[in-house]
Structures are given as C-alpha cells and as structure tokens.
C-alpha cells in the first residue's frame, strides 16, 4: 500500500498551493485512493476519496474543499451532487463523460487506468469533468492521452516500470508529460512526489 506525500504548486509560477498526504491500494474490485490536503501554512484544506472499479471507472468520488463537497460516480456518463458550505443547497450534475479529474494526482492515475494504453499506440480521446479549486466548480474538458514510452529501472526494491504519457488539452492544444509508476505519480505539471514510504502497487 503506497503511502506518501505530494506537493502541489502552480505549474506556471511554482507558487506552493498545498501538500497532499495520501495512501492508495488495489483491491479485489479495483483501486482506492484517500488523501488529506493541507495549505502551505499547515491548515486543513480538503480531502479526496476516490474508488475505481476493475475497469477504471469511478464508482465513488468524494471531494471536500473550503467546506464545499462533491459526491459523484459513473452513472449515465458521470453524475455528481455538489453541496455548498452551509449545507442548505445541493445541485446535481450529469455529463456524458468518461470520468472525473481535478488537481489531485489520483485523477492522473485513474485516467491512465481507465484508458489502459499500449506504448506507441494512437492517442486516445477522453472527456472528463474537472472539479476546480477553491469551490469545486465543475467543468467539462476533452483531452487526448498517448503512452509515449515504458521503461523499467532497477531499484533496491526490485524493477520499477515507469510510463511516460503525453497529455494534450484539445481546447488549447497545450501538451504536457505525466510520468507514472504503478499507482504513483512521479512527475507531472504542478505535482512533485516528496515522500514515498513503500513501492508503488503494480496493476495486473
């Protein structure tokens, strides 16, 4: 069960945004990721609880940020309920999309798990609903993902396979690289792996 800490920063000016303390693990029916976020000053900033089924679809997604809450799942595309800080109003949304995304590294692992790309295969288009800080506002976006390379490195804990993806935002054409090892993000824009207590899990 990988357990560790990511630092999140603005990918443009590198302003520190948060630290995300996480643990994740595959299970008999899929994969689960749980994390707590803190601000650079150490205050609680939110949480992520994401559960995927064996095909990589989100069967539960619960996000908290600034007293806002979102609960969602794959249902007729993806469906969610967003609740305001006072807890007096809840709005439901539904989009014909494949999955959710957001600032958390969990969503990069989840998208890669959903697509299951092969090295050098054609890029695959995916529609996602992003929940953006600070109020978890939903936004639908389209990306294309391509698995550029897969390399195996020798480590003290055995071989480590690292996948490099090229992710393209289809509305702007902006491209960036994402490096994953199993269910851990090694590098991505705005994300740095600061500490890892145990090796990444290997998906079968």
Protein backbone atom coordinates (compact mmCIF):
# COMPACT_ATOMS: atom_id res chain seq x y z
CA UNK A 1 0.00 0.00 0.00
CA UNK A 2 1.83 3.12 -1.17
CA UNK A 3 1.71 5.93 1.35
CA UNK A 4 3.40 9.28 0.96
CA UNK A 5 3.18 12.99 0.26
CA UNK A 6 2.86 15.13 -2.85
CA UNK A 7 3.47 18.86 -3.04
CA UNK A 8 1.11 20.77 -5.32
CA UNK A 9 2.12 24.08 -6.88
CA UNK A 10 1.05 26.43 -9.64
CA UNK A 11 2.58 24.95 -12.82
CA UNK A 12 3.25 28.42 -14.23
CA UNK A 13 4.86 30.39 -11.42
CA UNK A 14 5.53 27.50 -8.96
CA UNK A 15 3.60 29.14 -6.12
CA UNK A 16 3.05 26.46 -3.42
CA UNK A 17 -0.63 25.53 -3.19
CA UNK A 18 -0.93 22.52 -0.89
CA UNK A 19 0.53 19.27 0.35
CA UNK A 20 -1.40 16.07 -0.22
CA UNK A 21 -0.82 13.20 2.22
CA UNK A 22 -2.11 10.02 0.60
CA UNK A 23 -2.39 6.28 0.69
CA UNK A 24 -3.73 4.03 -2.06
CA UNK A 25 -4.03 0.37 -2.90
CA UNK A 26 -5.58 -2.02 -5.41
CA UNK A 27 -8.25 -4.34 -4.08
CA UNK A 28 -10.39 -7.24 -5.25
CA UNK A 29 -12.77 -4.91 -7.11
CA UNK A 30 -10.48 -2.10 -8.26
CA UNK A 31 -8.39 0.67 -6.65
CA UNK A 32 -8.85 3.21 -3.85
CA UNK A 33 -7.04 6.47 -3.13
CA UNK A 34 -7.55 8.51 0.05
CA UNK A 35 -5.80 11.78 0.89
CA UNK A 36 -5.86 14.83 3.14
CA UNK A 37 -4.70 18.22 1.89
CA UNK A 38 -3.05 20.97 3.92
CA UNK A 39 -2.17 24.54 2.98
CA UNK A 40 1.50 25.69 2.96
CA UNK A 41 0.86 27.04 6.50
CA UNK A 42 -0.37 23.63 7.67
CA UNK A 43 -4.12 24.24 7.82
CA UNK A 44 -6.57 21.61 6.61
CA UNK A 45 -7.55 22.33 3.01
CA UNK A 46 -9.67 19.38 1.90
CA UNK A 47 -9.74 15.68 1.13
CA UNK A 48 -10.06 13.18 -1.70
CA UNK A 49 -11.64 9.72 -1.60
CA UNK A 50 -11.68 8.01 -5.00
CA UNK A 51 -12.69 4.40 -5.69
CA UNK A 52 -12.37 2.79 -9.13
CA UNK A 53 -13.81 -0.49 -10.31
CA UNK A 54 -11.68 -3.07 -12.06
CA UNK A 55 -12.21 -1.32 -15.42
CA UNK A 56 -11.02 2.03 -14.04
CA UNK A 57 -14.46 3.64 -13.82
CA UNK A 58 -15.17 5.85 -10.78
CA UNK A 59 -17.69 4.06 -8.58
CA UNK A 60 -17.24 6.63 -5.81
CA UNK A 61 -15.66 10.07 -5.83
CA UNK A 62 -15.90 12.28 -2.75
CA UNK A 63 -14.10 15.63 -2.69
CA UNK A 64 -14.00 18.29 0.01
CA UNK A 65 -12.50 21.78 -0.33
CA UNK A 66 -13.27 25.02 1.50
CA UNK A 67 -16.37 23.41 3.08
CA UNK A 68 -17.70 22.57 -0.40
CA UNK A 69 -18.38 18.90 -1.09
CA UNK A 70 -18.83 16.83 -4.23
CA UNK A 71 -20.00 13.23 -4.36
CA UNK A 72 -20.07 11.51 -7.71
CA UNK A 73 -19.92 8.24 -9.62
CA UNK A 74 -20.07 6.79 -13.12
CA UNK A 75 -23.81 6.75 -13.82
CA UNK A 76 -25.27 7.61 -17.24
CA UNK A 77 -21.85 9.08 -18.02
CA UNK A 78 -20.81 10.72 -14.75
CA UNK A 79 -23.21 12.11 -12.18
CA UNK A 80 -22.47 14.20 -9.11
CA UNK A 81 -24.03 16.23 -6.31
CA UNK A 82 -22.30 19.44 -5.19
CA UNK A 83 -23.15 20.89 -1.78
CA UNK A 84 -22.46 24.43 -0.59
CA UNK A 85 -20.58 25.23 2.68
CA UNK A 86 -23.80 25.99 4.56
CA UNK A 87 -25.21 22.61 3.57
CA UNK A 88 -28.53 24.17 2.62
CA UNK A 89 -28.37 23.66 -1.14
CA UNK A 90 -27.30 20.77 -3.31
CA UNK A 91 -27.08 20.83 -7.08
CA UNK A 92 -26.92 17.73 -9.24
CA UNK A 93 -24.96 17.48 -12.47
CA UNK A 94 -24.67 14.88 -15.20
CA UNK A 95 -22.42 14.83 -18.28
CA UNK A 96 -21.80 12.20 -20.94
CA UNK A 97 -18.16 11.89 -19.89
CA UNK A 98 -15.84 9.03 -19.06
CA UNK A 99 -14.58 10.05 -15.61
CA UNK A 100 -13.68 12.87 -13.22
CA UNK A 101 -10.47 14.86 -12.89
CA UNK A 102 -9.01 17.61 -10.73
CA UNK A 103 -5.80 18.86 -9.12
CA UNK A 104 -5.19 15.65 -7.16
CA UNK A 105 -2.59 13.21 -8.56
CA UNK A 106 -5.20 10.50 -8.01
CA UNK A 107 -7.01 11.54 -11.16
CA UNK A 108 -3.95 11.09 -13.37
CA UNK A 109 -3.59 7.51 -12.15
CA UNK A 110 -7.34 7.00 -12.60
CA UNK A 111 -7.37 8.25 -16.19
CA UNK A 112 -4.38 6.10 -17.13
CA UNK A 113 -6.06 3.12 -15.51
CA UNK A 114 -9.28 3.79 -17.42
CA UNK A 115 -7.57 4.10 -20.82
CA UNK A 116 -5.04 1.23 -20.44
CA UNK A 117 -2.96 2.46 -23.34
CA UNK A 118 -0.27 0.47 -25.10
CA UNK A 119 3.13 2.00 -25.90
CA UNK A 120 3.28 3.68 -29.32
CA UNK A 121 -0.46 3.20 -29.90
CA UNK A 122 -2.53 6.07 -31.28
CA UNK A 123 -3.59 8.79 -28.88
CA UNK A 124 -6.97 8.24 -27.24
CA UNK A 125 -9.52 10.98 -26.66
CA UNK A 126 -11.23 11.17 -23.27
CA UNK A 127 -13.92 13.51 -21.91
CA UNK A 128 -13.59 14.41 -18.24
CA UNK A 129 -15.42 16.53 -15.68
CA UNK A 130 -12.93 18.60 -13.69
CA UNK A 131 -13.71 19.99 -10.25
CA UNK A 132 -11.63 23.12 -9.80
CA UNK A 133 -10.49 24.83 -6.61
CA UNK A 134 -11.41 26.63 -4.47
CA UNK A 135 -15.15 25.83 -4.71
CA UNK A 136 -15.13 22.54 -6.67
CA UNK A 137 -16.78 24.15 -9.69
CA UNK A 138 -17.45 21.53 -12.42
CA UNK A 139 -16.06 22.00 -15.93
CA UNK A 140 -16.17 19.55 -18.84
CA UNK A 141 -12.96 19.17 -20.82
CA UNK A 142 -11.56 16.97 -23.56
CA UNK A 143 -8.04 15.56 -23.57
CA UNK A 144 -6.05 13.10 -25.62
CA UNK A 145 -3.66 10.69 -23.95
CA UNK A 146 -0.80 8.78 -25.58
CA UNK A 147 1.64 6.38 -23.91
CA UNK A 148 4.98 7.58 -25.27
CA UNK A 149 7.34 5.16 -23.55
CA UNK A 150 7.58 2.42 -20.94
CA UNK A 151 10.92 1.86 -19.23
CA UNK A 152 11.97 -0.48 -16.45
CA UNK A 153 14.55 0.68 -13.91
CA UNK A 154 16.43 -1.39 -11.33
CA UNK A 155 15.85 -0.32 -7.71
CA UNK A 156 16.63 -1.68 -4.26
CA UNK A 157 13.06 -2.98 -4.08
CA UNK A 158 13.15 -4.67 -7.48
CA UNK A 159 12.34 -3.45 -11.01
CA UNK A 160 10.28 -0.27 -11.34
CA UNK A 161 8.30 0.30 -14.55
CA UNK A 162 7.78 3.96 -15.45
CA UNK A 163 5.23 5.05 -18.06
CA UNK A 164 5.50 8.43 -19.78
CA UNK A 165 2.25 9.84 -21.14
CA UNK A 166 1.72 12.83 -23.37
CA UNK A 167 -1.49 14.62 -22.43
CA UNK A 168 -2.99 17.20 -24.79
CA UNK A 169 -5.73 19.67 -23.91
CA UNK A 170 -7.91 19.59 -27.01
CA UNK A 171 -9.35 23.08 -26.49
CA UNK A 172 -5.95 24.82 -26.41
CA UNK A 173 -3.52 22.29 -27.90
CA UNK A 174 -1.31 22.60 -24.81
CA UNK A 175 0.71 19.45 -24.15
CA UNK A 176 2.45 18.15 -21.05
CA UNK A 177 4.12 14.97 -19.84
CA UNK A 178 2.95 12.74 -17.00
CA UNK A 179 5.22 10.06 -15.51
CA UNK A 180 3.57 7.21 -13.60
CA UNK A 181 4.92 4.17 -11.80
CA UNK A 182 2.03 1.87 -10.99
CA UNK A 183 -0.37 3.93 -8.88
CA UNK A 184 2.07 6.70 -8.01
CA UNK A 185 2.69 9.92 -9.96
CA UNK A 186 6.44 10.51 -10.23
CA UNK A 187 6.21 13.82 -12.09
CA UNK A 188 3.53 15.99 -13.70
CA UNK A 189 2.88 19.73 -14.08
CA UNK A 190 2.16 21.19 -10.65
CA UNK A 191 2.88 17.91 -8.85
CA UNK A 192 6.02 16.68 -7.09
CA UNK A 193 6.36 13.42 -5.18
CA UNK A 194 8.10 14.48 -1.97
CA UNK A 195 7.98 11.26 0.05
CA UNK A 196 7.02 7.63 -0.52
CA UNK A 197 7.09 5.03 2.24
CA UNK A 198 6.62 1.91 0.12
CA UNK A 199 6.91 0.98 -3.57
CA UNK A 200 4.03 1.67 -5.96
CA UNK A 201 1.43 -1.02 -6.47
CA UNK A 202 1.62 -2.93 -9.72
CA UNK A 203 -1.64 -3.18 -11.65
CA UNK A 204 -2.29 -6.56 -13.26
